Amino acid sequence: MKSDEEVMAEIEEAAAGLLFMSEADYPLEPLRLEGADEPDPGRLRELAGQAADAPVEVRSLEEFFRPATSEPPWKAGAELASARRFQNLARTLRENLADVRAYRIGEVNMPVYIIGKSSSGSWLGLSTRVVET
């Protein structure tokens, strides 16, 4: 069984240098939530600095990463290499964490937390932002 530190190191390595693309590109940064309780919408809003009534949208790991991991025929070179790095990142998250989900908080310029439960019971993953107008 891997320690949380080992899992975080693997996630950090898989995410290094990747930018999540939306209307603005943001890095994927390692995230560890304190406490063993599953993150609820209120806690995520607070973490994101959002209003108490801000919407929280939950997506599966696959659904969230689909645009980044897809390999349509037009992708080549750097775009294809990036898709394969995102595939590796998704696999790293899936192999090391249970119940991985992406939580999008707010509207337009949204903090996103991609988190799952480690074997020790901690909530680990990544944070980023997406911009959708």
Protein backbone atom coordinates (compact mmCIF):
# COMPACT_ATOMS: atom_id res chain seq x y z
CA MET A 1 0.00 0.00 0.00
CA LYS A 2 1.38 3.40 -1.00
CA SER A 3 1.59 6.25 1.47
CA ASP A 4 -0.26 9.49 0.76
CA GLU A 5 3.11 11.11 0.10
CA GLU A 6 3.98 8.50 -2.53
CA VAL A 7 0.57 8.92 -4.19
CA MET A 8 0.92 12.70 -4.20
CA ALA A 9 4.41 12.42 -5.72
CA GLU A 10 3.05 10.21 -8.54
CA ILE A 11 0.16 12.60 -9.19
CA GLU A 12 2.48 15.61 -9.15
CA GLU A 13 4.87 13.92 -11.58
CA ALA A 14 2.04 12.94 -13.96
CA ALA A 15 0.60 16.49 -13.89
CA ALA A 16 3.93 18.35 -14.19
CA GLY A 17 3.82 20.88 -17.00
CA LEU A 18 0.25 20.09 -18.08
CA LEU A 19 -2.24 22.92 -18.59
CA PHE A 20 -5.97 22.26 -18.55
CA MET A 21 -7.43 24.07 -21.53
CA SER A 22 -10.63 26.06 -21.53
CA GLU A 23 -11.07 29.69 -22.55
CA ALA A 24 -7.94 30.18 -20.43
CA ASP A 25 -5.30 27.57 -19.65
CA TYR A 26 -4.46 26.75 -16.04
CA PRO A 27 -1.94 24.37 -14.44
CA LEU A 28 -2.98 21.30 -12.49
CA GLU A 29 -1.71 21.62 -8.93
CA PRO A 30 -1.49 18.87 -6.28
CA LEU A 31 -4.18 19.07 -3.61
CA ARG A 32 -4.65 17.39 -0.25
CA LEU A 33 -7.81 18.06 1.73
CA GLU A 34 -7.49 17.83 5.47
CA GLY A 35 -9.78 15.40 7.25
CA ALA A 36 -11.26 12.09 6.22
CA ASP A 37 -14.81 13.31 5.57
CA GLU A 38 -15.96 13.24 1.97
CA PRO A 39 -15.92 16.78 0.59
CA ASP A 40 -19.39 18.27 0.59
CA PRO A 41 -20.54 21.24 -1.51
CA GLY A 42 -20.29 23.65 1.42
CA ARG A 43 -16.71 22.70 2.18
CA LEU A 44 -15.74 22.95 -1.50
CA ARG A 45 -17.37 26.39 -1.84
CA GLU A 46 -15.45 27.56 1.21
CA LEU A 47 -12.18 26.13 -0.13
CA ALA A 48 -12.79 27.89 -3.46
CA GLY A 49 -13.73 31.18 -1.80
CA GLN A 50 -17.14 31.06 -3.47
CA ALA A 51 -20.53 32.21 -2.19
CA ALA A 52 -22.57 29.81 -0.07
CA ASP A 53 -25.08 29.44 -2.92
CA ALA A 54 -22.54 28.97 -5.74
CA PRO A 55 -23.37 25.96 -7.91
CA VAL A 56 -21.26 22.82 -7.49
CA GLU A 57 -21.21 20.50 -10.48
CA VAL A 58 -19.85 16.97 -10.07
CA ARG A 59 -18.39 15.12 -13.06
CA SER A 60 -16.76 11.74 -13.38
CA LEU A 61 -13.01 11.67 -13.99
CA GLU A 62 -13.60 10.38 -17.52
CA GLU A 63 -16.19 13.03 -18.35
CA PHE A 64 -14.03 15.88 -17.02
CA PHE A 65 -10.86 14.76 -18.83
CA ARG A 66 -12.58 13.61 -22.08
CA PRO A 67 -11.63 16.73 -24.13
CA ALA A 68 -8.02 16.52 -22.93
CA THR A 69 -7.60 12.75 -23.39
CA SER A 70 -9.35 12.27 -26.71
CA GLU A 71 -7.37 11.35 -29.82
CA PRO A 72 -9.39 12.55 -32.81
CA PRO A 73 -7.69 12.17 -36.21
CA TRP A 74 -6.77 15.87 -36.39
CA LYS A 75 -4.59 15.70 -33.27
CA ALA A 76 -0.92 15.24 -34.08
CA GLY A 77 2.46 16.15 -32.70
CA ALA A 78 2.31 18.17 -29.49
CA GLU A 79 -1.50 17.89 -29.22
CA LEU A 80 -1.35 14.10 -29.42
CA ALA A 81 1.52 13.98 -26.92
CA SER A 82 -0.50 16.17 -24.55
CA ALA A 83 -3.56 13.88 -24.90
CA ARG A 84 -1.42 10.89 -23.99
CA ARG A 85 0.02 12.70 -20.96
CA PHE A 86 -3.54 13.47 -19.83
CA GLN A 87 -4.43 9.80 -20.34
CA ASN A 88 -1.48 8.89 -18.09
CA LEU A 89 -2.62 11.43 -15.49
CA ALA A 90 -6.16 10.05 -15.48
CA ARG A 91 -4.78 6.50 -15.15
CA THR A 92 -2.53 7.59 -12.25
CA LEU A 93 -5.51 9.12 -10.44
CA ARG A 94 -7.73 6.08 -11.10
CA GLU A 95 -5.06 3.58 -9.97
CA ASN A 96 -4.23 5.41 -6.73
CA LEU A 97 -7.55 6.87 -5.60
CA ALA A 98 -11.10 5.60 -5.13
CA ASP A 99 -14.23 7.54 -6.09
CA VAL A 100 -12.34 10.15 -8.13
CA ARG A 101 -14.60 13.00 -9.19
CA ALA A 102 -14.19 16.51 -10.56
CA TYR A 103 -16.03 19.26 -8.69
CA ARG A 104 -16.59 22.52 -10.59
CA ILE A 105 -17.55 25.39 -8.31
CA GLY A 106 -19.25 28.60 -9.40
CA GLU A 107 -19.81 29.99 -12.86
CA VAL A 108 -17.64 31.40 -15.68
CA ASN A 109 -14.19 31.33 -13.95
CA MET A 110 -14.54 28.14 -11.92
CA PRO A 111 -12.17 26.49 -9.48
CA VAL A 112 -12.07 22.73 -10.09
CA TYR A 113 -11.05 20.04 -7.63
CA ILE A 114 -10.29 16.57 -9.01
CA ILE A 115 -10.16 14.44 -5.90
CA GLY A 116 -10.51 10.90 -4.69
CA LYS A 117 -9.92 8.86 -1.55
CA SER A 118 -6.52 7.31 -0.88
CA SER A 119 -6.07 3.92 0.74
CA SER A 120 -5.37 5.69 4.06
CA GLY A 121 -8.68 7.58 3.84
CA SER A 122 -7.30 10.98 2.83
CA TRP A 123 -8.79 13.05 -0.01
CA LEU A 124 -6.06 13.74 -2.58
CA GLY A 125 -5.89 14.99 -6.14
CA LEU A 126 -5.50 18.16 -8.14
CA SER A 127 -6.88 21.65 -8.43
CA THR A 128 -7.20 23.82 -11.52
CA ARG A 129 -9.58 26.37 -13.03
CA VAL A 130 -11.77 26.44 -16.10
CA VAL A 131 -13.20 29.48 -17.81
CA GLU A 132 -16.45 29.13 -19.73
CA THR A 133 -18.40 32.19 -20.86
